[in-house]
Structure formats: structure tokens, C-alpha cells
């Protein structure tokens, strides 16, 4: 071949080579994506459990440190929890509202109240279930104010 023809030739990939690479990537993606989804589901559930445990500890410690009733309210629709402290017999001061992540929340009692010594007050026994996909975790709060995972 003459030198001028060789210079005009371009190097590149042929259509069959590109198609085979795309097919291999599709096979690898079909193997990797389902386990990745399960990992993300477990992470979302773990995030919700850890955030609720932190809010639970905050509410209980506030009740003890302030010598007043403290309330923890779970809003399932907003995926959030609100911590409040009783100011007077009918007034509550909201300390903060904290997000619980993206997992589905099911609970037997959406309101937990702690007395000034950190024990559950009234009907404070509750079970909260966080679920997403195939992943699920349960938190149970006893009357003594303890959290069990």
C-alpha cells in the first residue's frame, strides 16, 4: 500500500467489537445490580434504626437532665421523629425534629414519654419496625425506658 493511503486510514473499533463490549457490560450489570439493591435496603434500614436510637437517647437524657417529662413522637408519613420537653402541664417545648431516613416505618405506639428519672411514662411500651425491600429491623422500647434491638 502506498504511504499516503496508510496515513489516511483511521484506527478505531469495529461495530462487532463495540457490540460485544456492550453485551459483556450488560451481563456484568445484571449480576451486580440485585445484590447492590439489597445492600442499599439494609443500609436504609440500619440508618433509620440508628437515628431512632439516637433520638430515643436524646429524649431520655433530656427528661433526666431537666427533671421533666420528655416526649418522642414518630411521624411515619414524614419519616421523622420529634423530641419535646414539657414546660408546663399543657405546654411542650420542641427540642428538635430529626429525619429517620427512607425506610418504611411501622410502630405500635407513635408516642413515647419519659418521666424525670428516665423511665417510660404511661403507655410507653412500643415496637418500631423499619423495612425496605427484603431488609427489616425491629426496635422495642420497654417501660423501663430501655431500647432493645
N, C-alpha and C. Protein backbone atom coordinates (compact mmCIF):
# COMPACT_ATOMS: atom_id res chain seq x y z
N UNK A 1 0.84 -1.18 0.00
CA UNK A 1 0.00 0.00 0.00
C UNK A 1 0.88 1.24 0.00
N UNK A 2 0.46 2.23 -0.73
CA UNK A 2 1.24 3.46 -0.76
C UNK A 2 1.18 4.16 0.61
N UNK A 3 2.14 4.98 0.90
CA UNK A 3 2.26 5.68 2.19
C UNK A 3 1.11 6.65 2.42
N UNK A 4 0.63 7.30 1.34
CA UNK A 4 -0.46 8.26 1.51
C UNK A 4 -1.77 7.57 1.89
N UNK A 5 -2.01 6.33 1.45
CA UNK A 5 -3.22 5.61 1.79
C UNK A 5 -3.16 5.16 3.25
N UNK A 6 -1.97 4.71 3.70
CA UNK A 6 -1.81 4.29 5.08
C UNK A 6 -2.03 5.45 6.04
N UNK A 7 -1.62 6.64 5.66
CA UNK A 7 -1.76 7.81 6.53
C UNK A 7 -3.23 8.19 6.72
N UNK A 8 -4.07 7.97 5.71
CA UNK A 8 -5.49 8.33 5.82
C UNK A 8 -6.32 7.30 6.59
N UNK A 9 -5.80 6.11 6.75
CA UNK A 9 -6.53 5.08 7.48
C UNK A 9 -6.65 5.47 8.94
N UNK A 10 -7.80 5.27 9.50
CA UNK A 10 -8.02 5.61 10.92
C UNK A 10 -8.11 4.33 11.72
N UNK A 11 -7.55 4.40 12.90
CA UNK A 11 -7.66 3.26 13.81
C UNK A 11 -8.90 3.48 14.66
N UNK A 12 -9.57 2.42 14.99
CA UNK A 12 -10.77 2.52 15.80
C UNK A 12 -11.33 1.14 16.06
N UNK A 13 -12.54 1.11 16.61
CA UNK A 13 -13.19 -0.15 16.94
C UNK A 13 -14.25 -0.44 15.90
N UNK A 14 -14.41 -1.70 15.60
CA UNK A 14 -15.44 -2.10 14.65
C UNK A 14 -16.76 -2.28 15.39
N UNK A 15 -17.83 -2.33 14.66
CA UNK A 15 -19.15 -2.49 15.25
C UNK A 15 -19.28 -3.81 16.02
N UNK A 16 -18.80 -4.93 15.53
CA UNK A 16 -18.89 -6.17 16.32
C UNK A 16 -18.10 -6.08 17.64
N UNK A 17 -16.97 -5.40 17.64
CA UNK A 17 -16.21 -5.24 18.88
C UNK A 17 -17.00 -4.41 19.90
N UNK A 18 -17.59 -3.32 19.46
CA UNK A 18 -18.40 -2.48 20.35
C UNK A 18 -19.62 -3.23 20.87
N UNK A 19 -20.26 -4.00 20.00
CA UNK A 19 -21.44 -4.75 20.41
C UNK A 19 -21.08 -5.82 21.46
N UNK A 20 -19.94 -6.47 21.29
CA UNK A 20 -19.54 -7.48 22.27
C UNK A 20 -19.21 -6.85 23.62
N UNK A 21 -18.60 -5.66 23.64
CA UNK A 21 -18.30 -4.97 24.90
C UNK A 21 -19.60 -4.57 25.60
N UNK A 22 -20.56 -4.06 24.85
CA UNK A 22 -21.84 -3.68 25.44
C UNK A 22 -22.56 -4.91 26.01
N UNK A 23 -22.50 -6.03 25.31
CA UNK A 23 -23.13 -7.26 25.79
C UNK A 23 -22.47 -7.74 27.09
N UNK A 24 -21.16 -7.69 27.17
CA UNK A 24 -20.44 -8.09 28.39
C UNK A 24 -20.81 -7.17 29.55
N UNK A 25 -20.89 -5.87 29.28
CA UNK A 25 -21.28 -4.93 30.33
C UNK A 25 -22.70 -5.21 30.82
N UNK A 26 -23.58 -5.60 29.93
CA UNK A 26 -24.95 -5.94 30.33
C UNK A 26 -25.00 -7.16 31.22
N UNK A 27 -24.21 -8.17 30.91
CA UNK A 27 -24.17 -9.37 31.74
C UNK A 27 -23.61 -9.04 33.12
N UNK A 28 -22.54 -8.26 33.17
CA UNK A 28 -21.95 -7.87 34.46
C UNK A 28 -22.94 -7.04 35.27
N UNK A 29 -23.65 -6.12 34.64
CA UNK A 29 -24.63 -5.30 35.35
C UNK A 29 -25.78 -6.15 35.89
N UNK A 30 -26.22 -7.14 35.15
CA UNK A 30 -27.32 -7.99 35.62
C UNK A 30 -26.90 -8.84 36.82
N UNK A 31 -25.61 -9.10 36.96
CA UNK A 31 -25.12 -9.87 38.10
C UNK A 31 -24.89 -8.96 39.31
N UNK A 32 -24.48 -7.73 39.09
CA UNK A 32 -24.09 -6.82 40.18
C UNK A 32 -25.26 -6.05 40.77
N UNK A 33 -26.24 -5.65 39.99
CA UNK A 33 -27.30 -4.75 40.44
C UNK A 33 -28.20 -5.35 41.53
N UNK A 34 -28.70 -6.59 41.44
CA UNK A 34 -29.56 -7.11 42.52
C UNK A 34 -28.89 -7.13 43.90
N UNK A 35 -27.66 -7.62 44.05
CA UNK A 35 -27.03 -7.56 45.38
C UNK A 35 -26.82 -6.12 45.85
N UNK A 36 -26.55 -5.23 44.95
CA UNK A 36 -26.36 -3.83 45.31
C UNK A 36 -27.66 -3.25 45.87
N UNK A 37 -28.80 -3.63 45.29
CA UNK A 37 -30.09 -3.18 45.80
C UNK A 37 -30.35 -3.67 47.22
N UNK A 38 -29.97 -4.93 47.49
CA UNK A 38 -30.13 -5.47 48.84
C UNK A 38 -29.24 -4.74 49.84
N UNK A 39 -28.04 -4.41 49.42
CA UNK A 39 -27.13 -3.67 50.30
C UNK A 39 -27.70 -2.29 50.61
N UNK A 40 -28.26 -1.63 49.62
CA UNK A 40 -28.86 -0.32 49.84
C UNK A 40 -30.08 -0.40 50.76
N UNK A 41 -30.87 -1.47 50.62
CA UNK A 41 -32.02 -1.67 51.50
C UNK A 41 -31.57 -1.85 52.95
N UNK A 42 -30.56 -2.69 53.16
CA UNK A 42 -30.04 -2.90 54.52
C UNK A 42 -29.47 -1.61 55.10
N UNK A 43 -28.80 -0.83 54.27
CA UNK A 43 -28.23 0.44 54.75
C UNK A 43 -29.33 1.43 55.15
N UNK A 44 -30.41 1.48 54.39
CA UNK A 44 -31.52 2.39 54.72
C UNK A 44 -32.19 1.98 56.03
N UNK A 45 -32.36 0.68 56.24
CA UNK A 45 -32.97 0.20 57.49
C UNK A 45 -32.04 0.49 58.66
N UNK A 46 -30.76 0.22 58.51
CA UNK A 46 -29.79 0.49 59.58
C UNK A 46 -29.75 1.97 59.92
N UNK A 47 -29.82 2.83 58.90
CA UNK A 47 -29.83 4.27 59.14
C UNK A 47 -31.02 4.69 59.99
N UNK A 48 -32.21 4.18 59.66
CA UNK A 48 -33.41 4.52 60.43
C UNK A 48 -33.32 4.05 61.87
N UNK A 49 -32.81 2.84 62.07
CA UNK A 49 -32.67 2.29 63.42
C UNK A 49 -31.70 3.13 64.24
N UNK A 50 -30.56 3.47 63.65
CA UNK A 50 -29.56 4.25 64.39
C UNK A 50 -30.06 5.66 64.70
N UNK A 51 -30.78 6.26 63.78
CA UNK A 51 -31.30 7.61 64.04
C UNK A 51 -32.38 7.60 65.12
N UNK A 52 -33.24 6.58 65.11
CA UNK A 52 -34.26 6.49 66.16
C UNK A 52 -33.60 6.22 67.51
N UNK A 53 -32.58 5.39 67.53
CA UNK A 53 -31.89 5.10 68.79
C UNK A 53 -31.24 6.38 69.34
N UNK A 54 -30.69 7.21 68.47
CA UNK A 54 -30.08 8.47 68.92
C UNK A 54 -31.15 9.43 69.46
N UNK A 55 -32.28 9.51 68.78
CA UNK A 55 -33.37 10.39 69.25
C UNK A 55 -33.93 9.87 70.57
N UNK A 56 -34.03 8.56 70.71
CA UNK A 56 -34.51 7.94 71.95
C UNK A 56 -33.58 8.31 73.10
N UNK A 57 -32.28 8.18 72.89
CA UNK A 57 -31.30 8.53 73.93
C UNK A 57 -31.38 10.01 74.28
N UNK A 58 -31.57 10.85 73.27
CA UNK A 58 -31.69 12.30 73.50
C UNK A 58 -32.90 12.61 74.37
N UNK A 59 -34.04 12.04 74.04
CA UNK A 59 -35.27 12.31 74.80
C UNK A 59 -35.14 11.81 76.24
N UNK A 60 -34.59 10.64 76.41
CA UNK A 60 -34.44 10.08 77.76
C UNK A 60 -33.47 10.93 78.60
N UNK A 61 -32.36 11.33 78.00
CA UNK A 61 -31.39 12.15 78.72
C UNK A 61 -31.94 13.54 79.03
N UNK A 62 -32.75 14.08 78.14
CA UNK A 62 -33.39 15.38 78.42
C UNK A 62 -34.34 15.29 79.60
N UNK A 63 -35.09 14.19 79.68
CA UNK A 63 -36.01 14.01 80.80
C UNK A 63 -35.25 13.97 82.12
N UNK A 64 -34.15 13.26 82.13
CA UNK A 64 -33.35 13.14 83.35
C UNK A 64 -32.67 14.47 83.69
N UNK A 65 -32.04 15.10 82.70
CA UNK A 65 -31.27 16.32 82.98
C UNK A 65 -32.15 17.51 83.34
N UNK A 66 -33.34 17.59 82.77
CA UNK A 66 -34.23 18.73 83.07
C UNK A 66 -35.23 18.43 84.17
N UNK A 67 -35.31 17.19 84.59
CA UNK A 67 -36.26 16.82 85.65
C UNK A 67 -37.70 17.04 85.23
N UNK A 68 -38.00 16.77 83.97
CA UNK A 68 -39.35 16.98 83.44
C UNK A 68 -39.69 15.84 82.47
N UNK A 69 -40.95 15.77 82.09
CA UNK A 69 -41.34 14.78 81.10
C UNK A 69 -40.75 15.14 79.75
N UNK A 70 -40.30 14.13 79.03
CA UNK A 70 -39.80 14.32 77.67
C UNK A 70 -40.58 13.38 76.76
N UNK A 71 -40.86 13.86 75.56
CA UNK A 71 -41.71 13.10 74.63
C UNK A 71 -40.98 12.90 73.31
N UNK A 72 -41.16 11.70 72.75
CA UNK A 72 -40.59 11.35 71.46
C UNK A 72 -41.77 10.95 70.58
N UNK A 73 -42.01 11.69 69.49
CA UNK A 73 -43.15 11.40 68.60
C UNK A 73 -42.63 10.97 67.24
N UNK A 74 -43.07 9.81 66.78
CA UNK A 74 -42.66 9.29 65.49
C UNK A 74 -43.72 9.64 64.46
N UNK A 75 -43.31 10.37 63.43
CA UNK A 75 -44.21 10.73 62.32
C UNK A 75 -43.88 9.79 61.16
N UNK A 76 -44.72 8.77 60.98
CA UNK A 76 -44.45 7.77 59.96
C UNK A 76 -44.54 8.33 58.56
N UNK A 77 -45.44 9.26 58.34
CA UNK A 77 -45.62 9.81 56.99
C UNK A 77 -44.43 10.67 56.58
N UNK A 78 -43.90 11.45 57.51
CA UNK A 78 -42.77 12.35 57.21
C UNK A 78 -41.43 11.67 57.42
N UNK A 79 -41.42 10.44 57.92
CA UNK A 79 -40.18 9.72 58.23
C UNK A 79 -39.29 10.56 59.14
N UNK A 80 -39.89 11.05 60.22
CA UNK A 80 -39.17 11.92 61.15
C UNK A 80 -39.61 11.64 62.58
N UNK A 81 -38.79 12.09 63.52
CA UNK A 81 -39.10 11.96 64.93
C UNK A 81 -38.91 13.33 65.58
N UNK A 82 -39.84 13.70 66.48
CA UNK A 82 -39.78 14.98 67.16
C UNK A 82 -39.56 14.73 68.65
N UNK A 83 -38.60 15.45 69.22
CA UNK A 83 -38.30 15.36 70.64
C UNK A 83 -38.79 16.64 71.30
N UNK A 84 -39.58 16.50 72.38
CA UNK A 84 -40.15 17.64 73.09
C UNK A 84 -39.95 17.46 74.60
N UNK A 85 -39.91 18.58 75.31
CA UNK A 85 -39.82 18.57 76.77
C UNK A 85 -41.00 19.36 77.32
N UNK A 86 -41.62 18.85 78.39
CA UNK A 86 -42.78 19.51 78.98
C UNK A 86 -42.34 20.76 79.75
N UNK A 87 -42.96 21.89 79.37
CA UNK A 87 -42.67 23.17 80.03
C UNK A 87 -43.65 23.40 81.17
N UNK A 88 -44.94 23.26 80.88
CA UNK A 88 -45.99 23.36 81.90
C UNK A 88 -46.89 22.14 81.73
N UNK A 89 -47.97 22.10 82.49
CA UNK A 89 -48.85 20.93 82.44
C UNK A 89 -49.42 20.68 81.05
N UNK A 90 -49.59 21.73 80.25
CA UNK A 90 -50.19 21.56 78.91
C UNK A 90 -49.29 22.02 77.77
N UNK A 91 -48.13 22.55 78.09
CA UNK A 91 -47.26 23.09 77.03
C UNK A 91 -45.98 22.27 76.91
N UNK A 92 -45.60 22.00 75.68
CA UNK A 92 -44.37 21.26 75.39
C UNK A 92 -43.46 22.12 74.53
N UNK A 93 -42.18 22.12 74.84
CA UNK A 93 -41.18 22.80 74.01
C UNK A 93 -40.53 21.78 73.09
N UNK A 94 -40.57 22.06 71.79
CA UNK A 94 -39.94 21.15 70.83
C UNK A 94 -38.44 21.40 70.82
N UNK A 95 -37.70 20.35 71.08
CA UNK A 95 -36.24 20.44 71.08
C UNK A 95 -35.72 20.30 69.65
N UNK A 96 -36.29 19.40 68.89
CA UNK A 96 -35.86 19.22 67.51
C UNK A 96 -36.66 18.15 66.80
N UNK A 97 -36.64 18.24 65.48
CA UNK A 97 -37.24 17.22 64.63
C UNK A 97 -36.13 16.64 63.78
N UNK A 98 -36.02 15.32 63.81
CA UNK A 98 -34.90 14.65 63.16
C UNK A 98 -35.41 13.66 62.12
N UNK A 99 -34.80 13.63 60.93
CA UNK A 99 -35.23 12.68 59.90
C UNK A 99 -34.81 11.26 60.26
N UNK A 100 -35.61 10.29 59.83
CA UNK A 100 -35.32 8.88 60.10
C UNK A 100 -34.89 8.11 58.86
N UNK A 101 -34.67 8.79 57.76
CA UNK A 101 -34.24 8.10 56.55
C UNK A 101 -35.41 7.75 55.65
N UNK A 102 -35.18 6.75 54.78
CA UNK A 102 -36.16 6.44 53.74
C UNK A 102 -36.89 5.12 53.95
N UNK A 103 -36.55 4.39 54.99
CA UNK A 103 -37.19 3.09 55.22
C UNK A 103 -38.65 3.27 55.67
N UNK A 104 -39.47 2.28 55.38
CA UNK A 104 -40.88 2.28 55.80
C UNK A 104 -40.92 2.04 57.31
N UNK A 105 -41.75 2.82 58.00
CA UNK A 105 -41.82 2.74 59.46
C UNK A 105 -43.21 2.25 59.87
N UNK A 106 -43.22 1.22 60.73
CA UNK A 106 -44.44 0.72 61.33
C UNK A 106 -44.22 0.71 62.83
N UNK A 107 -45.16 1.28 63.59
CA UNK A 107 -44.96 1.27 65.04
C UNK A 107 -46.29 1.04 65.76
N UNK A 108 -46.18 0.41 66.94
CA UNK A 108 -47.37 0.10 67.72
C UNK A 108 -47.87 1.32 68.48
N UNK A 109 -46.97 2.22 68.85
CA UNK A 109 -47.34 3.43 69.58
C UNK A 109 -46.41 4.55 69.11
N UNK A 110 -46.91 5.53 68.40
CA UNK A 110 -46.02 6.56 67.84
C UNK A 110 -45.50 7.58 68.85
N UNK A 111 -45.95 7.52 70.10
CA UNK A 111 -45.51 8.49 71.10
C UNK A 111 -44.91 7.79 72.30
N UNK A 112 -43.69 8.17 72.64
CA UNK A 112 -43.01 7.66 73.84
C UNK A 112 -42.82 8.83 74.79
N UNK A 113 -43.11 8.62 76.07
CA UNK A 113 -42.92 9.67 77.07
C UNK A 113 -42.02 9.12 78.17
N UNK A 114 -41.03 9.91 78.57
CA UNK A 114 -40.12 9.53 79.64
C UNK A 114 -40.35 10.44 80.84
N UNK A 115 -40.36 9.85 82.05
CA UNK A 115 -40.54 10.65 83.25
C UNK A 115 -39.18 11.22 83.69
N UNK A 116 -39.14 12.05 84.73
CA UNK A 116 -37.89 12.70 85.12
C UNK A 116 -36.76 11.77 85.56
N UNK A 117 -37.04 10.50 85.79
CA UNK A 117 -35.94 9.59 86.12
C UNK A 117 -35.61 8.66 84.94
N UNK A 118 -36.17 8.96 83.77
CA UNK A 118 -35.83 8.25 82.54
C UNK A 118 -36.62 6.99 82.27
N UNK A 119 -37.63 6.72 83.08
CA UNK A 119 -38.47 5.55 82.84
C UNK A 119 -39.61 5.89 81.91
N UNK A 120 -40.13 4.87 81.24
CA UNK A 120 -41.29 5.08 80.38
C UNK A 120 -42.48 5.52 81.20
N UNK A 121 -43.25 6.43 80.65
CA UNK A 121 -44.38 7.02 81.37
C UNK A 121 -45.65 6.68 80.61
N UNK A 122 -46.65 6.17 81.30
CA UNK A 122 -47.91 5.84 80.63
C UNK A 122 -47.75 4.62 79.75
N UNK A 123 -48.27 4.70 78.54
CA UNK A 123 -48.19 3.56 77.60
C UNK A 123 -46.96 3.70 76.72
N UNK A 124 -45.81 3.60 77.33
CA UNK A 124 -44.57 3.83 76.59
C UNK A 124 -43.96 2.56 76.00
N UNK A 125 -44.58 1.42 76.20
CA UNK A 125 -44.09 0.21 75.53
C UNK A 125 -44.41 0.36 74.06
N UNK A 126 -43.43 0.19 73.22
CA UNK A 126 -43.70 0.30 71.79
C UNK A 126 -42.71 -0.55 71.00
N UNK A 127 -43.13 -0.92 69.82
CA UNK A 127 -42.29 -1.67 68.88
C UNK A 127 -42.30 -0.90 67.57
N UNK A 128 -41.10 -0.62 67.07
CA UNK A 128 -40.95 0.11 65.80
C UNK A 128 -40.24 -0.82 64.82
N UNK A 129 -40.82 -0.97 63.65
CA UNK A 129 -40.24 -1.83 62.62
C UNK A 129 -39.85 -0.95 61.43
N UNK A 130 -38.60 -1.04 61.04
CA UNK A 130 -38.10 -0.36 59.85
C UNK A 130 -37.95 -1.42 58.78
N UNK A 131 -38.48 -1.17 57.58
CA UNK A 131 -38.36 -2.14 56.50
C UNK A 131 -38.21 -1.43 55.16
N UNK A 132 -37.47 -2.10 54.30
CA UNK A 132 -37.31 -1.63 52.92
C UNK A 132 -36.86 -2.83 52.10
N UNK A 133 -37.61 -3.15 51.07
CA UNK A 133 -37.30 -4.33 50.27
C UNK A 133 -37.37 -5.57 51.13
N UNK A 134 -36.32 -6.38 51.11
CA UNK A 134 -36.28 -7.60 51.92
C UNK A 134 -35.65 -7.37 53.28
N UNK A 135 -35.14 -6.18 53.54
CA UNK A 135 -34.47 -5.88 54.81
C UNK A 135 -35.46 -5.33 55.82
N UNK A 136 -35.33 -5.76 57.07
CA UNK A 136 -36.20 -5.26 58.15
C UNK A 136 -35.46 -5.37 59.47
N UNK A 137 -35.77 -4.47 60.38
CA UNK A 137 -35.19 -4.49 61.72
C UNK A 137 -36.23 -3.94 62.69
N UNK A 138 -36.23 -4.46 63.90
CA UNK A 138 -37.22 -4.09 64.91
C UNK A 138 -36.53 -3.51 66.13
N UNK A 139 -37.10 -2.43 66.65
CA UNK A 139 -36.64 -1.83 67.90
C UNK A 139 -37.82 -1.89 68.87
N UNK A 140 -37.54 -2.33 70.09
CA UNK A 140 -38.57 -2.39 71.12
C UNK A 140 -38.15 -1.54 72.29
N UNK A 141 -39.05 -0.70 72.77
CA UNK A 141 -38.79 0.12 73.95
C UNK A 141 -39.66 -0.41 75.08
N UNK A 142 -39.03 -0.65 76.22
CA UNK A 142 -39.78 -1.17 77.37
C UNK A 142 -40.23 -0.03 78.27
N UNK A 143 -41.01 -0.37 79.28
CA UNK A 143 -41.46 0.63 80.24
C UNK A 143 -40.31 1.22 81.03
N UNK A 144 -39.23 0.47 81.15
CA UNK A 144 -38.08 0.97 81.91
C UNK A 144 -37.28 1.99 81.11
N UNK A 145 -37.68 2.22 79.86
CA UNK A 145 -37.00 3.21 79.03
C UNK A 145 -35.85 2.63 78.23
N UNK A 146 -35.65 1.34 78.34
CA UNK A 146 -34.55 0.70 77.61
C UNK A 146 -34.96 0.41 76.18
N UNK A 147 -33.95 0.46 75.34
CA UNK A 147 -34.14 0.20 73.92
C UNK A 147 -33.51 -1.14 73.60
N UNK A 148 -34.27 -2.01 72.95
CA UNK A 148 -33.77 -3.32 72.58
C UNK A 148 -33.86 -3.48 71.09
N UNK A 149 -32.78 -3.92 70.47
CA UNK A 149 -32.76 -4.11 69.02
C UNK A 149 -32.94 -5.55 68.67
